């Protein structure tokens, strides 16, 4: 009976300490949902605990970070594809303008040659 009373006494003394640690370890997910990828990684590293030489990182933090990284990569790939379409369109336009410029230069050379010949005949 004395053992049970001691056990309950020890348990009552430990409960506040254990519950304080549990609530202190709840992640602040708002910090993971904002900021750059670098800031999010810094947050995860700051909030991780040490176990011997290893860092202990919460799995939920890593999953959130992974999701954010994948979203960023998806956006960057989409932007890259859009930019490639714009570049291809601009290249096609430039090729068209170059062809028109070349045709105009040929026409200008022909007219210049005719004018030179006409001026030559007038001098005679």
Protein backbone atom coordinates (compact mmCIF):
# COMPACT_ATOMS: atom_id res chain seq x y z
CA UNK A 1 0.00 0.00 0.00
CA UNK A 2 2.86 2.35 0.82
CA UNK A 3 4.34 1.62 -2.59
CA UNK A 4 1.13 2.62 -4.33
CA UNK A 5 0.96 5.89 -2.39
CA UNK A 6 4.59 6.67 -3.24
CA UNK A 7 4.03 5.79 -6.89
CA UNK A 8 0.99 8.09 -7.07
CA UNK A 9 2.98 10.85 -5.32
CA UNK A 10 5.87 10.55 -7.76
CA UNK A 11 3.44 10.41 -10.66
CA UNK A 12 1.69 13.57 -9.48
CA UNK A 13 5.05 15.34 -9.27
CA UNK A 14 6.10 14.25 -12.77
CA UNK A 15 2.83 15.03 -14.59
CA UNK A 16 3.35 18.83 -14.74
CA UNK A 17 6.87 18.39 -16.10
CA UNK A 18 5.82 15.86 -18.71
CA UNK A 19 2.82 17.87 -19.87
CA UNK A 20 4.96 21.02 -20.13
CA UNK A 21 7.40 19.24 -22.43
CA UNK A 22 4.63 17.91 -24.62
CA UNK A 23 3.01 21.30 -25.16
CA UNK A 24 6.38 22.97 -25.71
CA UNK A 25 7.16 20.59 -28.56
CA UNK A 26 4.05 21.29 -30.62
CA UNK A 27 5.21 22.70 -33.96
CA UNK A 28 4.30 26.18 -35.10
CA UNK A 29 3.15 25.33 -38.61
CA UNK A 30 2.65 28.99 -39.48
CA UNK A 31 6.42 29.43 -39.62
CA UNK A 32 6.65 26.62 -42.17
CA UNK A 33 3.92 28.00 -44.40
CA UNK A 34 5.60 31.40 -44.81
CA UNK A 35 8.98 32.49 -46.04
CA UNK A 36 11.50 31.21 -48.50
CA UNK A 37 12.67 27.62 -48.66
CA UNK A 38 15.90 28.67 -46.96
CA UNK A 39 13.97 30.31 -44.10
CA UNK A 40 11.80 27.22 -43.69
CA UNK A 41 14.86 24.97 -43.54
CA UNK A 42 16.46 27.27 -40.97
CA UNK A 43 13.26 27.06 -38.90
CA UNK A 44 13.28 23.25 -39.02
CA UNK A 45 16.93 23.11 -38.00
CA UNK A 46 16.37 25.60 -35.16
CA UNK A 47 13.36 23.67 -33.84
CA UNK A 48 15.02 20.26 -34.07
CA UNK A 49 16.47 18.66 -30.97
CA UNK A 50 19.82 16.96 -30.54
CA UNK A 51 20.27 13.30 -29.79
CA UNK A 52 23.95 12.59 -29.34
CA UNK A 53 25.50 13.93 -32.58
CA UNK A 54 22.29 13.70 -34.57
CA UNK A 55 19.50 16.21 -35.04
CA UNK A 56 15.98 14.96 -34.40
CA UNK A 57 13.52 16.62 -36.75
CA UNK A 58 9.76 16.27 -36.52
CA UNK A 59 8.32 14.25 -39.36
CA UNK A 60 5.44 16.71 -39.83
CA UNK A 61 7.93 19.55 -40.30
CA UNK A 62 9.81 17.56 -42.92
CA UNK A 63 6.60 16.64 -44.74
CA UNK A 64 5.45 20.27 -44.79
CA UNK A 65 8.87 21.41 -45.98
CA UNK A 66 8.91 18.70 -48.67
CA UNK A 67 5.48 19.80 -49.88
CA UNK A 68 6.61 23.43 -50.04
CA UNK A 69 9.78 22.49 -51.95
CA UNK A 70 7.79 20.40 -54.44
CA UNK A 71 5.32 23.27 -54.94
CA UNK A 72 8.21 25.65 -55.58
CA UNK A 73 9.79 23.26 -58.07
CA UNK A 74 6.43 22.85 -59.83
CA UNK A 75 6.03 26.64 -60.13
CA UNK A 76 9.59 27.03 -61.41
CA UNK A 77 9.06 24.32 -64.03
CA UNK A 78 5.83 25.99 -65.14
CA UNK A 79 7.60 29.36 -65.40
CA UNK A 80 10.42 27.71 -67.35
CA UNK A 81 7.97 26.17 -69.84
CA UNK A 82 6.18 29.51 -70.25
CA UNK A 83 9.49 31.28 -70.82
CA UNK A 84 10.52 28.66 -73.39
CA UNK A 85 7.26 29.28 -75.29
CA UNK A 86 7.87 33.04 -75.22
CA UNK A 87 11.47 32.57 -76.39
CA UNK A 88 10.36 30.32 -79.26
CA UNK A 89 7.73 32.88 -80.28
CA UNK A 90 10.27 35.72 -80.14
CA UNK A 91 12.74 33.68 -82.19
CA UNK A 92 10.10 33.03 -84.85
CA UNK A 93 9.29 36.75 -84.94
CA UNK A 94 12.97 37.65 -85.26
CA UNK A 95 13.42 35.16 -88.10
CA UNK A 96 10.41 36.69 -89.87
CA UNK A 97 11.75 40.22 -89.40
CA UNK A 98 15.19 39.14 -90.65
CA UNK A 99 13.61 37.65 -93.78
CA UNK A 100 11.66 40.87 -94.41
CA UNK A 101 14.81 42.94 -93.86
CA UNK A 102 16.76 40.76 -96.28
CA UNK A 103 14.00 41.10 -98.91
CA UNK A 104 13.95 44.87 -98.37
CA UNK A 105 17.72 45.08 -98.74
CA UNK A 106 17.57 43.11 -101.99
CA UNK A 107 14.83 45.42 -103.30
CA UNK A 108 16.84 48.47 -102.19
CA UNK A 109 19.95 47.17 -103.97
CA UNK A 110 17.92 46.61 -107.15
CA UNK A 111 16.45 50.12 -107.04
CA UNK A 112 19.82 51.63 -106.24
CA UNK A 113 21.35 49.77 -109.19
CA UNK A 114 18.58 50.98 -111.54
CA UNK A 115 19.03 54.55 -110.34
CA UNK A 116 22.78 54.33 -110.85
CA UNK A 117 22.28 53.02 -114.39
CA UNK A 118 19.71 55.76 -115.12
CA UNK A 119 22.03 58.45 -113.82
CA UNK A 120 24.84 56.99 -115.91
CA UNK A 121 22.73 57.13 -119.10
CA UNK A 122 21.67 60.69 -118.35
CA UNK A 123 25.29 61.73 -118.08
CA UNK A 124 25.99 60.41 -121.55
